[in-house]
C-alpha cells in the first residue's frame, strides 16, 4: 500500500495532465483507471488543502506576534524565492540540457 502511494505521488505532477489529454498513449506509460483516479484525487486534495490554508497564513503570523510589515515580508518572501529559483533551475536545465520529454 505504501509503495503504491509513493509510486502515485511521483507521477501525479508529470502525468496527471498527460493522462487527461492522452499523450502517453504510445505505450510509454500505462496508467489504469484506478491509478488515474487516485492521482486526480490526490492532486485535488493537495491543491485544495493549500488553497484553503493560504488565506489564513497572515492571521497566523499576526497571532504569533509578527507586525504587519513582518507579515507582509514573510508572505512576499515566497514569491521572491519562487522567482529566483525559477531563474536558477532554468539556467541549470539549459546548462545540462535537461528538459521534460513529453514525446
C-alpha atoms as a PDB file:
ATOM      1  CA  UNK A   1       0.000   0.000   0.000  1.00  0.00           C
ATOM      2  CA  UNK A   2       2.780   2.454   0.920  1.00  0.00           C
ATOM      3  CA  UNK A   3       4.705   1.551  -2.229  1.00  0.00           C
ATOM      4  CA  UNK A   4       1.647   2.210  -4.374  1.00  0.00           C
ATOM      5  CA  UNK A   5       1.106   5.556  -2.677  1.00  0.00           C
ATOM      6  CA  UNK A   6       4.738   6.594  -3.209  1.00  0.00           C
ATOM      7  CA  UNK A   7       4.586   5.490  -6.825  1.00  0.00           C
ATOM      8  CA  UNK A   8       1.416   7.508  -7.379  1.00  0.00           C
ATOM      9  CA  UNK A   9       2.764  10.623  -5.724  1.00  0.00           C
ATOM     10  CA  UNK A  10       5.798  10.590  -8.015  1.00  0.00           C
ATOM     11  CA  UNK A  11       3.682  10.517 -11.162  1.00  0.00           C
ATOM     12  CA  UNK A  12       0.985  12.996 -10.121  1.00  0.00           C
ATOM     13  CA  UNK A  13       2.805  16.153 -11.143  1.00  0.00           C
ATOM     14  CA  UNK A  14       4.102  14.979 -14.518  1.00  0.00           C
ATOM     15  CA  UNK A  15       1.360  12.677 -15.699  1.00  0.00           C
ATOM     16  CA  UNK A  16      -1.973  13.956 -14.419  1.00  0.00           C
ATOM     17  CA  UNK A  17      -2.375  16.391 -17.273  1.00  0.00           C
ATOM     18  CA  UNK A  18      -0.897  13.874 -19.696  1.00  0.00           C
ATOM     19  CA  UNK A  19      -3.288  11.190 -18.517  1.00  0.00           C
ATOM     20  CA  UNK A  20      -6.223  13.503 -19.089  1.00  0.00           C
ATOM     21  CA  UNK A  21      -5.077  14.568 -22.553  1.00  0.00           C
ATOM     22  CA  UNK A  22      -3.849  11.106 -23.528  1.00  0.00           C
ATOM     23  CA  UNK A  23      -0.304  11.995 -24.617  1.00  0.00           C
ATOM     24  CA  UNK A  24       1.081   8.811 -23.082  1.00  0.00           C
ATOM     25  CA  UNK A  25      -0.894   6.552 -25.413  1.00  0.00           C
ATOM     26  CA  UNK A  26       2.168   5.336 -27.375  1.00  0.00           C
ATOM     27  CA  UNK A  27       2.862   2.503 -24.888  1.00  0.00           C
ATOM     28  CA  UNK A  28       5.310   4.646 -22.941  1.00  0.00           C
ATOM     29  CA  UNK A  29       3.287   4.799 -19.767  1.00  0.00           C
ATOM     30  CA  UNK A  30       0.440   2.616 -18.679  1.00  0.00           C
ATOM     31  CA  UNK A  31      -1.866   4.056 -16.060  1.00  0.00           C
ATOM     32  CA  UNK A  32      -5.035   2.155 -15.415  1.00  0.00           C
ATOM     33  CA  UNK A  33      -8.243   3.870 -14.370  1.00  0.00           C
ATOM     34  CA  UNK A  34      -7.700   3.157 -10.674  1.00  0.00           C
ATOM     35  CA  UNK A  35      -4.267   4.798 -10.680  1.00  0.00           C
ATOM     36  CA  UNK A  36      -5.581   7.737 -12.680  1.00  0.00           C
ATOM     37  CA  UNK A  37      -8.454   8.285 -10.264  1.00  0.00           C
ATOM     38  CA  UNK A  38      -6.090   8.114  -7.307  1.00  0.00           C
ATOM     39  CA  UNK A  39      -3.762  10.616  -8.984  1.00  0.00           C
ATOM     40  CA  UNK A  40      -6.598  13.017  -9.649  1.00  0.00           C
ATOM     41  CA  UNK A  41      -7.968  12.678  -6.119  1.00  0.00           C
ATOM     42  CA  UNK A  42      -4.522  13.188  -4.613  1.00  0.00           C
ATOM     43  CA  UNK A  43      -3.854  16.195  -6.828  1.00  0.00           C
ATOM     44  CA  UNK A  44      -7.214  17.740  -5.949  1.00  0.00           C
ATOM     45  CA  UNK A  45      -6.692  17.089  -2.238  1.00  0.00           C
ATOM     46  CA  UNK A  46      -3.233  18.639  -2.136  1.00  0.00           C
ATOM     47  CA  UNK A  47      -4.151  21.791  -4.052  1.00  0.00           C
ATOM     48  CA  UNK A  48      -7.477  22.308  -2.294  1.00  0.00           C
ATOM     49  CA  UNK A  49      -5.713  21.986   1.067  1.00  0.00           C
ATOM     50  CA  UNK A  50      -3.080  24.511   0.054  1.00  0.00           C
ATOM     51  CA  UNK A  51      -5.717  26.844  -1.346  1.00  0.00           C
ATOM     52  CA  UNK A  52      -7.843  26.681   1.770  1.00  0.00           C
ATOM     53  CA  UNK A  53      -4.950  27.242   4.194  1.00  0.00           C
ATOM     54  CA  UNK A  54      -3.045  30.040   2.441  1.00  0.00           C
ATOM     55  CA  UNK A  55      -5.605  32.789   3.176  1.00  0.00           C
ATOM     56  CA  UNK A  56      -5.173  32.132   6.899  1.00  0.00           C
ATOM     57  CA  UNK A  57      -1.373  32.490   6.959  1.00  0.00           C
ATOM     58  CA  UNK A  58      -1.441  36.258   7.623  1.00  0.00           C
ATOM     59  CA  UNK A  59      -3.807  35.694  10.546  1.00  0.00           C
ATOM     60  CA  UNK A  60      -1.493  33.023  11.912  1.00  0.00           C
ATOM     61  CA  UNK A  61       1.576  35.238  11.528  1.00  0.00           C
ATOM     62  CA  UNK A  62      -0.173  38.054  13.349  1.00  0.00           C
ATOM     63  CA  UNK A  63      -1.228  35.669  16.146  1.00  0.00           C
ATOM     64  CA  UNK A  64       2.383  34.650  16.794  1.00  0.00           C
ATOM     65  CA  UNK A  65       3.339  38.279  17.232  1.00  0.00           C
ATOM     66  CA  UNK A  66       4.643  39.463  13.866  1.00  0.00           C
ATOM     67  CA  UNK A  67       3.946  43.050  12.912  1.00  0.00           C
ATOM     68  CA  UNK A  68       2.123  43.974   9.707  1.00  0.00           C
ATOM     69  CA  UNK A  69       5.435  44.730   7.964  1.00  0.00           C
ATOM     70  CA  UNK A  70       6.968  41.443   9.063  1.00  0.00           C
ATOM     71  CA  UNK A  71       3.863  39.540   7.960  1.00  0.00           C
ATOM     72  CA  UNK A  72       3.999  41.182   4.529  1.00  0.00           C
ATOM     73  CA  UNK A  73       7.703  40.403   4.236  1.00  0.00           C
ATOM     74  CA  UNK A  74       7.211  36.724   5.089  1.00  0.00           C
ATOM     75  CA  UNK A  75       4.370  36.392   2.586  1.00  0.00           C
ATOM     76  CA  UNK A  76       6.343  38.246  -0.122  1.00  0.00           C
ATOM     77  CA  UNK A  77       9.350  36.021   0.535  1.00  0.00           C
ATOM     78  CA  UNK A  78       7.536  33.069  -1.076  1.00  0.00           C
ATOM     79  CA  UNK A  79       7.169  34.938  -4.367  1.00  0.00           C
ATOM     80  CA  UNK A  80      10.752  36.178  -4.212  1.00  0.00           C
ATOM     81  CA  UNK A  81      12.146  32.704  -3.627  1.00  0.00           C
ATOM     82  CA  UNK A  82       9.926  31.301  -6.387  1.00  0.00           C
ATOM     83  CA  UNK A  83      11.151  33.904  -8.880  1.00  0.00           C
ATOM     84  CA  UNK A  84      14.821  33.441  -8.035  1.00  0.00           C
ATOM     85  CA  UNK A  85      14.648  29.650  -8.015  1.00  0.00           C
ATOM     86  CA  UNK A  86      12.825  29.656 -11.372  1.00  0.00           C
ATOM     87  CA  UNK A  87      15.740  31.502 -12.952  1.00  0.00           C
ATOM     88  CA  UNK A  88      18.246  29.169 -11.275  1.00  0.00           C
ATOM     89  CA  UNK A  89      16.509  25.980 -12.400  1.00  0.00           C
ATOM     90  CA  UNK A  90      16.081  27.357 -15.916  1.00  0.00           C
ATOM     91  CA  UNK A  91      19.817  28.076 -16.142  1.00  0.00           C
ATOM     92  CA  UNK A  92      20.554  24.634 -14.707  1.00  0.00           C
ATOM     93  CA  UNK A  93      18.329  22.962 -17.311  1.00  0.00           C
ATOM     94  CA  UNK A  94      19.938  24.963 -20.126  1.00  0.00           C
ATOM     95  CA  UNK A  95      23.428  24.104 -18.956  1.00  0.00           C
ATOM     96  CA  UNK A  96      22.811  20.357 -18.690  1.00  0.00           C
ATOM     97  CA  UNK A  97      20.212  20.137 -21.483  1.00  0.00           C
ATOM     98  CA  UNK A  98      17.660  18.520 -19.164  1.00  0.00           C
ATOM     99  CA  UNK A  99      14.157  19.114 -20.419  1.00  0.00           C
ATOM    100  CA  UNK A 100      10.836  17.441 -19.941  1.00  0.00           C
ATOM    101  CA  UNK A 101      10.279  14.915 -22.682  1.00  0.00           C
ATOM    102  CA  UNK A 102       6.610  14.626 -23.478  1.00  0.00           C
ATOM    103  CA  UNK A 103       7.033  12.504 -26.558  1.00  0.00           C
END
